[in-house]
PDB file of N, CA and C in Angstrom:
ATOM      1  N   MET A   1      15.567 -40.810 -10.434  1.00  0.00           N
ATOM      2  CA  MET A   1      15.176 -41.212  -9.152  1.00  0.00           C
ATOM      3  C   MET A   1      13.823 -41.764  -9.753  1.00  0.00           C
ATOM      4  N   SER A   2      13.542 -43.085  -8.871  1.00  0.00           N
ATOM      5  CA  SER A   2      12.185 -43.643  -9.043  1.00  0.00           C
ATOM      6  C   SER A   2      10.969 -43.495  -8.050  1.00  0.00           C
ATOM      7  N   CYS A   3      10.006 -42.651  -8.334  1.00  0.00           N
ATOM      8  CA  CYS A   3       8.906 -42.426  -7.627  1.00  0.00           C
ATOM      9  C   CYS A   3       8.652 -43.748  -6.177  1.00  0.00           C
ATOM     10  N   GLU A   4       9.329 -45.129  -6.455  1.00  0.00           N
ATOM     11  CA  GLU A   4       9.021 -46.345  -5.556  1.00  0.00           C
ATOM     12  C   GLU A   4       9.943 -45.271  -4.632  1.00  0.00           C
ATOM     13  N   SER A   5       9.581 -46.135  -3.822  1.00  0.00           N
ATOM     14  CA  SER A   5      10.081 -46.068  -1.845  1.00  0.00           C
ATOM     15  C   SER A   5      11.340 -46.742  -1.752  1.00  0.00           C
ATOM     16  N   SER A   6      12.193 -46.840  -1.063  1.00  0.00           N
ATOM     17  CA  SER A   6      13.581 -47.486  -0.711  1.00  0.00           C
ATOM     18  C   SER A   6      12.909 -48.848  -0.106  1.00  0.00           C
ATOM     19  N   LYS A   7      11.711 -48.231   0.873  1.00  0.00           N
ATOM     20  CA  LYS A   7      11.319 -49.924   1.261  1.00  0.00           C
ATOM     21  C   LYS A   7      10.749 -50.883  -0.003  1.00  0.00           C
ATOM     22  N   ASP A   8      10.028 -50.401  -0.928  1.00  0.00           N
ATOM     23  CA  ASP A   8       9.246 -50.731  -2.120  1.00  0.00           C
ATOM     24  C   ASP A   8      10.449 -52.085  -3.054  1.00  0.00           C
ATOM     25  N   ARG A   9      11.688 -50.663  -3.118  1.00  0.00           N
ATOM     26  CA  ARG A   9      12.644 -51.623  -3.796  1.00  0.00           C
ATOM     27  C   ARG A   9      13.544 -52.487  -3.604  1.00  0.00           C
ATOM     28  N   GLN A  10      13.230 -52.362  -2.032  1.00  0.00           N
ATOM     29  CA  GLN A  10      13.979 -53.155  -1.280  1.00  0.00           C
ATOM     30  C   GLN A  10      12.926 -54.239  -1.373  1.00  0.00           C
ATOM     31  N   GLU A  11      12.044 -54.608  -1.203  1.00  0.00           N
ATOM     32  CA  GLU A  11      11.035 -55.746  -1.128  1.00  0.00           C
ATOM     33  C   GLU A  11      11.113 -56.428  -2.654  1.00  0.00           C
ATOM     34  N   ASN A  12      10.770 -55.369  -3.363  1.00  0.00           N
ATOM     35  CA  ASN A  12      11.227 -55.922  -5.206  1.00  0.00           C
ATOM     36  C   ASN A  12      12.406 -56.655  -4.844  1.00  0.00           C
ATOM     37  N   GLU A  13      13.400 -55.964  -4.737  1.00  0.00           N
ATOM     38  CA  GLU A  13      14.768 -56.870  -4.785  1.00  0.00           C
ATOM     39  C   GLU A  13      15.238 -57.880  -3.963  1.00  0.00           C
ATOM     40  N   ILE A  14      14.397 -58.395  -2.889  1.00  0.00           N
ATOM     41  CA  ILE A  14      14.822 -59.584  -2.250  1.00  0.00           C
ATOM     42  C   ILE A  14      13.582 -60.732  -2.771  1.00  0.00           C
ATOM     43  N   GLU A  15      12.728 -60.683  -3.125  1.00  0.00           N
ATOM     44  CA  GLU A  15      12.115 -61.439  -4.267  1.00  0.00           C
ATOM     45  C   GLU A  15      12.304 -61.809  -5.307  1.00  0.00           C
ATOM     46  N   VAL A  16      13.304 -60.914  -5.854  1.00  0.00           N
ATOM     47  CA  VAL A  16      14.524 -61.528  -7.033  1.00  0.00           C
ATOM     48  C   VAL A  16      15.128 -62.296  -6.523  1.00  0.00           C
ATOM     49  N   LEU A  17      16.169 -62.129  -5.597  1.00  0.00           N
ATOM     50  CA  LEU A  17      17.010 -62.623  -4.900  1.00  0.00           C
ATOM     51  C   LEU A  17      16.244 -63.951  -4.685  1.00  0.00           C
ATOM     52  N   LYS A  18      15.176 -63.923  -3.743  1.00  0.00           N
ATOM     53  CA  LYS A  18      14.770 -65.373  -3.878  1.00  0.00           C
ATOM     54  C   LYS A  18      14.709 -66.116  -4.801  1.00  0.00           C
ATOM     55  N   SER A  19      14.423 -65.936  -5.579  1.00  0.00           N
ATOM     56  CA  SER A  19      13.782 -66.568  -7.361  1.00  0.00           C
ATOM     57  C   SER A  19      15.153 -66.992  -7.533  1.00  0.00           C
ATOM     58  N   ILE A  20      16.320 -66.595  -7.392  1.00  0.00           N
ATOM     59  CA  ILE A  20      17.586 -66.057  -8.184  1.00  0.00           C
ATOM     60  C   ILE A  20      18.297 -67.867  -6.868  1.00  0.00           C
ATOM     61  N   PHE A  21      17.870 -67.052  -5.483  1.00  0.00           N
ATOM     62  CA  PHE A  21      19.141 -68.492  -4.893  1.00  0.00           C
ATOM     63  C   PHE A  21      18.382 -69.548  -4.648  1.00  0.00           C
ATOM     64  N   GLY A  22      17.057 -69.691  -3.992  1.00  0.00           N
ATOM     65  CA  GLY A  22      15.832 -70.013  -3.689  1.00  0.00           C
ATOM     66  C   GLY A  22      16.172 -70.586  -2.275  1.00  0.00           C
ATOM     67  N   ASP A  23      16.556 -71.754  -1.491  1.00  0.00           N
ATOM     68  CA  ASP A  23      16.777 -72.233  -0.165  1.00  0.00           C
ATOM     69  C   ASP A  23      18.414 -71.774   0.064  1.00  0.00           C
ATOM     70  N   GLU A  24      18.530 -71.313  -0.623  1.00  0.00           N
ATOM     71  CA  GLU A  24      20.245 -71.362   0.003  1.00  0.00           C
ATOM     72  C   GLU A  24      20.322 -69.355   0.354  1.00  0.00           C
ATOM     73  N   LEU A  25      19.151 -68.924   0.449  1.00  0.00           N
ATOM     74  CA  LEU A  25      18.972 -67.566   0.735  1.00  0.00           C
ATOM     75  C   LEU A  25      17.961 -67.387   2.164  1.00  0.00           C
ATOM     76  N   CYS A  26      18.883 -66.684   3.042  1.00  0.00           N
ATOM     77  CA  CYS A  26      18.399 -66.829   4.560  1.00  0.00           C
ATOM     78  C   CYS A  26      17.957 -65.613   4.512  1.00  0.00           C
ATOM     79  N   ASP A  27      16.487 -64.681   5.111  1.00  0.00           N
ATOM     80  CA  ASP A  27      16.348 -63.262   5.203  1.00  0.00           C
ATOM     81  C   ASP A  27      16.453 -63.591   6.647  1.00  0.00           C
ATOM     82  N   LEU A  28      17.152 -62.618   7.236  1.00  0.00           N
ATOM     83  CA  LEU A  28      17.831 -62.796   8.948  1.00  0.00           C
ATOM     84  C   LEU A  28      16.725 -61.579   9.395  1.00  0.00           C
ATOM     85  N   ARG A  29      15.977 -60.991   8.877  1.00  0.00           N
ATOM     86  CA  ARG A  29      15.116 -59.548   9.117  1.00  0.00           C
ATOM     87  C   ARG A  29      14.172 -60.267  10.154  1.00  0.00           C
ATOM     88  N   HIS A  30      13.792 -61.710   9.904  1.00  0.00           N
ATOM     89  CA  HIS A  30      12.680 -61.919  10.500  1.00  0.00           C
ATOM     90  C   HIS A  30      13.031 -62.496  11.809  1.00  0.00           C
ATOM     91  N   GLU A  31      14.232 -62.665  11.830  1.00  0.00           N
ATOM     92  CA  GLU A  31      15.018 -62.905  13.468  1.00  0.00           C
ATOM     93  C   GLU A  31      14.662 -62.084  14.258  1.00  0.00           C
ATOM     94  N   LYS A  32      15.171 -60.572  14.104  1.00  0.00           N
ATOM     95  CA  LYS A  32      14.619 -59.285  15.051  1.00  0.00           C
ATOM     96  C   LYS A  32      13.358 -59.265  15.375  1.00  0.00           C
ATOM     97  N   ASN A  33      12.734 -58.426  14.322  1.00  0.00           N
ATOM     98  CA  ASN A  33      11.124 -58.048  14.664  1.00  0.00           C
ATOM     99  C   ASN A  33      10.671 -58.045  13.940  1.00  0.00           C
ATOM    100  N   LYS A  34       9.263 -59.075  14.011  1.00  0.00           N
ATOM    101  CA  LYS A  34       8.388 -59.400  12.544  1.00  0.00           C
ATOM    102  C   LYS A  34       7.718 -58.628  12.101  1.00  0.00           C
ATOM    103  N   ARG A  35       7.499 -58.052  13.013  1.00  0.00           N
ATOM    104  CA  ARG A  35       6.489 -56.629  13.047  1.00  0.00           C
ATOM    105  C   ARG A  35       6.360 -55.330  12.451  1.00  0.00           C
ATOM    106  N   LYS A  36       7.925 -54.599  12.804  1.00  0.00           N
ATOM    107  CA  LYS A  36       8.200 -53.656  12.005  1.00  0.00           C
ATOM    108  C   LYS A  36       9.280 -53.672  10.846  1.00  0.00           C
ATOM    109  N   TRP A  37       8.959 -53.071  10.378  1.00  0.00           N
ATOM    110  CA  TRP A  37      10.088 -52.787   8.617  1.00  0.00           C
ATOM    111  C   TRP A  37      11.660 -53.344   8.693  1.00  0.00           C
ATOM    112  N   GLN A  38      12.531 -53.795   8.488  1.00  0.00           N
ATOM    113  CA  GLN A  38      13.419 -53.571   8.531  1.00  0.00           C
ATOM    114  C   GLN A  38      14.560 -53.407   6.575  1.00  0.00           C
ATOM    115  N   PRO A  39      15.363 -53.077   6.613  1.00  0.00           N
ATOM    116  CA  PRO A  39      16.160 -52.958   5.961  1.00  0.00           C
ATOM    117  C   PRO A  39      16.341 -54.177   5.456  1.00  0.00           C
ATOM    118  N   LEU A  40      16.807 -54.807   3.966  1.00  0.00           N
ATOM    119  CA  LEU A  40      17.481 -56.069   3.527  1.00  0.00           C
ATOM    120  C   LEU A  40      18.995 -56.372   4.582  1.00  0.00           C
ATOM    121  N   ASP A  41      18.717 -57.709   5.335  1.00  0.00           N
ATOM    122  CA  ASP A  41      19.549 -58.080   5.864  1.00  0.00           C
ATOM    123  C   ASP A  41      19.906 -59.480   5.871  1.00  0.00           C
ATOM    124  N   ILE A  42      20.544 -60.347   4.461  1.00  0.00           N
ATOM    125  CA  ILE A  42      20.199 -61.484   4.263  1.00  0.00           C
ATOM    126  C   ILE A  42      21.754 -62.168   4.061  1.00  0.00           C
ATOM    127  N   LEU A  43      21.354 -63.818   4.171  1.00  0.00           N
ATOM    128  CA  LEU A  43      22.418 -64.383   4.331  1.00  0.00           C
ATOM    129  C   LEU A  43      22.599 -65.497   3.196  1.00  0.00           C
ATOM    130  N   ILE A  44      23.647 -65.656   2.557  1.00  0.00           N
ATOM    131  CA  ILE A  44      23.429 -66.581   0.550  1.00  0.00           C
ATOM    132  C   ILE A  44      24.640 -67.373   0.794  1.00  0.00           C
ATOM    133  N   SER A  45      24.196 -68.531   1.655  1.00  0.00           N
ATOM    134  CA  SER A  45      25.095 -69.859   1.405  1.00  0.00           C
ATOM    135  C   SER A  45      25.296 -70.263  -0.069  1.00  0.00           C
ATOM    136  N   LEU A  46      26.821 -70.309  -0.548  1.00  0.00           N
ATOM    137  CA  LEU A  46      27.352 -70.444  -1.836  1.00  0.00           C
ATOM    138  C   LEU A  46      28.028 -71.782  -2.033  1.00  0.00           C
ATOM    139  N   MET A  47      27.753 -72.608  -2.595  1.00  0.00           N
ATOM    140  CA  MET A  47      28.912 -73.670  -2.961  1.00  0.00           C
ATOM    141  C   MET A  47      29.091 -74.258  -4.493  1.00  0.00           C
ATOM    142  N   PRO A  48      30.376 -74.772  -4.676  1.00  0.00           N
ATOM    143  CA  PRO A  48      30.560 -75.172  -5.788  1.00  0.00           C
ATOM    144  C   PRO A  48      29.627 -76.127  -6.470  1.00  0.00           C
ATOM    145  N   GLN A  49      29.126 -75.736  -7.877  1.00  0.00           N
ATOM    146  CA  GLN A  49      28.573 -76.028  -8.374  1.00  0.00           C
ATOM    147  C   GLN A  49      28.230 -77.454  -8.948  1.00  0.00           C
ATOM    148  N   LYS A  50      27.627 -78.288  -8.794  1.00  0.00           N
ATOM    149  CA  LYS A  50      27.638 -80.062  -8.718  1.00  0.00           C
ATOM    150  C   LYS A  50      27.774 -80.204 -10.443  1.00  0.00           C
ATOM    151  N   GLY A  51      28.829 -80.945 -10.628  1.00  0.00           N
ATOM    152  CA  GLY A  51      28.946 -81.761 -11.986  1.00  0.00           C
ATOM    153  C   GLY A  51      28.377 -82.414 -12.453  1.00  0.00           C
ATOM    154  N   MET A  52      27.643 -83.048 -13.317  1.00  0.00           N
ATOM    155  CA  MET A  52      27.236 -83.915 -13.973  1.00  0.00           C
ATOM    156  C   MET A  52      27.842 -85.529 -14.158  1.00  0.00           C
ATOM    157  N   SER A  53      29.226 -85.287 -13.451  1.00  0.00           N
ATOM    158  CA  SER A  53      30.170 -86.727 -13.398  1.00  0.00           C
ATOM    159  C   SER A  53      29.140 -87.662 -11.865  1.00  0.00           C
ATOM    160  N   GLY A  54      28.271 -87.229 -11.323  1.00  0.00           N
ATOM    161  CA  GLY A  54      27.827 -87.779 -10.530  1.00  0.00           C
ATOM    162  C   GLY A  54      27.954 -87.080  -8.903  1.00  0.00           C
ATOM    163  N   PRO A  55      27.488 -87.678  -7.739  1.00  0.00           N
ATOM    164  CA  PRO A  55      27.703 -86.952  -6.552  1.00  0.00           C
ATOM    165  C   PRO A  55      29.160 -86.695  -6.183  1.00  0.00           C
ATOM    166  N   ALA A  56      29.219 -85.434  -5.275  1.00  0.00           N
ATOM    167  CA  ALA A  56      30.627 -84.863  -5.545  1.00  0.00           C
ATOM    168  C   ALA A  56      30.818 -84.788  -4.187  1.00  0.00           C
ATOM    169  N   LYS A  57      31.557 -84.589  -3.382  1.00  0.00           N
ATOM    170  CA  LYS A  57      31.388 -84.494  -1.767  1.00  0.00           C
ATOM    171  C   LYS A  57      32.185 -82.607  -1.877  1.00  0.00           C
ATOM    172  N   VAL A  58      31.363 -82.304  -1.011  1.00  0.00           N
ATOM    173  CA  VAL A  58      31.358 -80.578  -0.881  1.00  0.00           C
ATOM    174  C   VAL A  58      32.619 -80.301   0.202  1.00  0.00           C
ATOM    175  N   TYR A  59      33.848 -79.983  -0.224  1.00  0.00           N
ATOM    176  CA  TYR A  59      34.882 -79.174   0.701  1.00  0.00           C
ATOM    177  C   TYR A  59      34.861 -77.724   0.350  1.00  0.00           C
ATOM    178  N   ALA A  60      33.725 -76.933   0.364  1.00  0.00           N
ATOM    179  CA  ALA A  60      34.147 -75.672  -0.097  1.00  0.00           C
ATOM    180  C   ALA A  60      32.810 -75.052  -0.289  1.00  0.00           C
ATOM    181  N   GLN A  61      32.482 -73.955   1.312  1.00  0.00           N
ATOM    182  CA  GLN A  61      31.182 -73.166   1.264  1.00  0.00           C
ATOM    183  C   GLN A  61      31.227 -71.761   1.594  1.00  0.00           C
ATOM    184  N   ILE A  62      30.615 -70.745   1.045  1.00  0.00           N
ATOM    185  CA  ILE A  62      30.985 -69.551   1.510  1.00  0.00           C
ATOM    186  C   ILE A  62      29.607 -69.069   2.093  1.00  0.00           C
ATOM    187  N   ASP A  63      29.495 -68.156   3.062  1.00  0.00           N
ATOM    188  CA  ASP A  63      28.081 -67.528   3.731  1.00  0.00           C
ATOM    189  C   ASP A  63      28.448 -66.203   3.365  1.00  0.00           C
ATOM    190  N   LEU A  64      27.326 -65.661   2.124  1.00  0.00           N
ATOM    191  CA  LEU A  64      27.580 -64.308   2.285  1.00  0.00           C
ATOM    192  C   LEU A  64      26.997 -63.414   2.456  1.00  0.00           C
ATOM    193  N   ARG A  65      26.619 -62.397   3.854  1.00  0.00           N
ATOM    194  CA  ARG A  65      25.724 -61.960   4.516  1.00  0.00           C
ATOM    195  C   ARG A  65      25.820 -59.742   3.725  1.00  0.00           C
ATOM    196  N   VAL A  66      24.687 -59.880   3.537  1.00  0.00           N
ATOM    197  CA  VAL A  66      24.486 -58.319   2.838  1.00  0.00           C
ATOM    198  C   VAL A  66      23.444 -57.936   4.247  1.00  0.00           C
ATOM    199  N   MET A  67      23.934 -56.472   4.669  1.00  0.00           N
ATOM    200  CA  MET A  67      23.159 -55.609   5.138  1.00  0.00           C
ATOM    201  C   MET A  67      23.189 -54.733   4.384  1.00  0.00           C
ATOM    202  N   CYS A  68      21.466 -54.116   4.604  1.00  0.00           N
ATOM    203  CA  CYS A  68      21.640 -52.403   4.036  1.00  0.00           C
ATOM    204  C   CYS A  68      21.031 -51.693   4.536  1.00  0.00           C
ATOM    205  N   SER A  69      21.280 -50.078   4.481  1.00  0.00           N
ATOM    206  CA  SER A  69      20.585 -49.238   4.845  1.00  0.00           C
ATOM    207  C   SER A  69      19.614 -49.157   4.708  1.00  0.00           C
ATOM    208  N   ASN A  70      18.305 -48.197   5.724  1.00  0.00           N
ATOM    209  CA  ASN A  70      17.432 -47.529   5.383  1.00  0.00           C
ATOM    210  C   ASN A  70      17.022 -47.176   4.124  1.00  0.00           C
ATOM    211  N   LYS A  71      17.953 -46.227   3.543  1.00  0.00           N
ATOM    212  CA  LYS A  71      17.616 -45.944   2.473  1.00  0.00           C
ATOM    213  C   LYS A  71      18.204 -46.484   0.960  1.00  0.00           C
ATOM    214  N   TYR A  72      18.735 -47.859   1.008  1.00  0.00           N
ATOM    215  CA  TYR A  72      19.726 -48.821   0.094  1.00  0.00           C
ATOM    216  C   TYR A  72      17.966 -48.310  -0.937  1.00  0.00           C
ATOM    217  N   PRO A  73      18.188 -48.577  -2.071  1.00  0.00           N
ATOM    218  CA  PRO A  73      19.862 -48.107  -2.806  1.00  0.00           C
ATOM    219  C   PRO A  73      19.984 -46.971  -3.473  1.00  0.00           C
ATOM    220  N   ASP A  74      18.711 -46.092  -2.898  1.00  0.00           N
ATOM    221  CA  ASP A  74      19.150 -44.385  -2.844  1.00  0.00           C
ATOM    222  C   ASP A  74      20.298 -43.986  -2.665  1.00  0.00           C
ATOM    223  N   ASP A  75      20.973 -44.399  -1.260  1.00  0.00           N
ATOM    224  CA  ASP A  75      21.819 -44.124  -0.575  1.00  0.00           C
ATOM    225  C   ASP A  75      22.936 -45.106  -0.029  1.00  0.00           C
ATOM    226  N   ILE A  76      23.924 -44.961  -0.622  1.00  0.00           N
ATOM    227  CA  ILE A  76      25.354 -46.589  -0.831  1.00  0.00           C
ATOM    228  C   ILE A  76      26.139 -46.014   0.290  1.00  0.00           C
ATOM    229  N   GLU A  77      26.219 -46.612   1.051  1.00  0.00           N
ATOM    230  CA  GLU A  77      27.358 -46.797   2.421  1.00  0.00           C
ATOM    231  C   GLU A  77      28.419 -47.282   2.245  1.00  0.00           C
TER     232      GLU A  77
END
């Protein structure tokens, strides 16, 4: 077990996810309560990768919502 708290590990994890997904990631925790720490609650909008053949219309998109408990990643429910 790591000496980092669940809070620290979740904060590190969201920074990594932001660097991977950029603008496609929305941190929903800030919509609830900005002053109190909250566990991970994110929405990632995923679309097909654009090809090199030029701009194409996108007809598919999926929004993936991930909500974690206060004890994540030590306790996965």
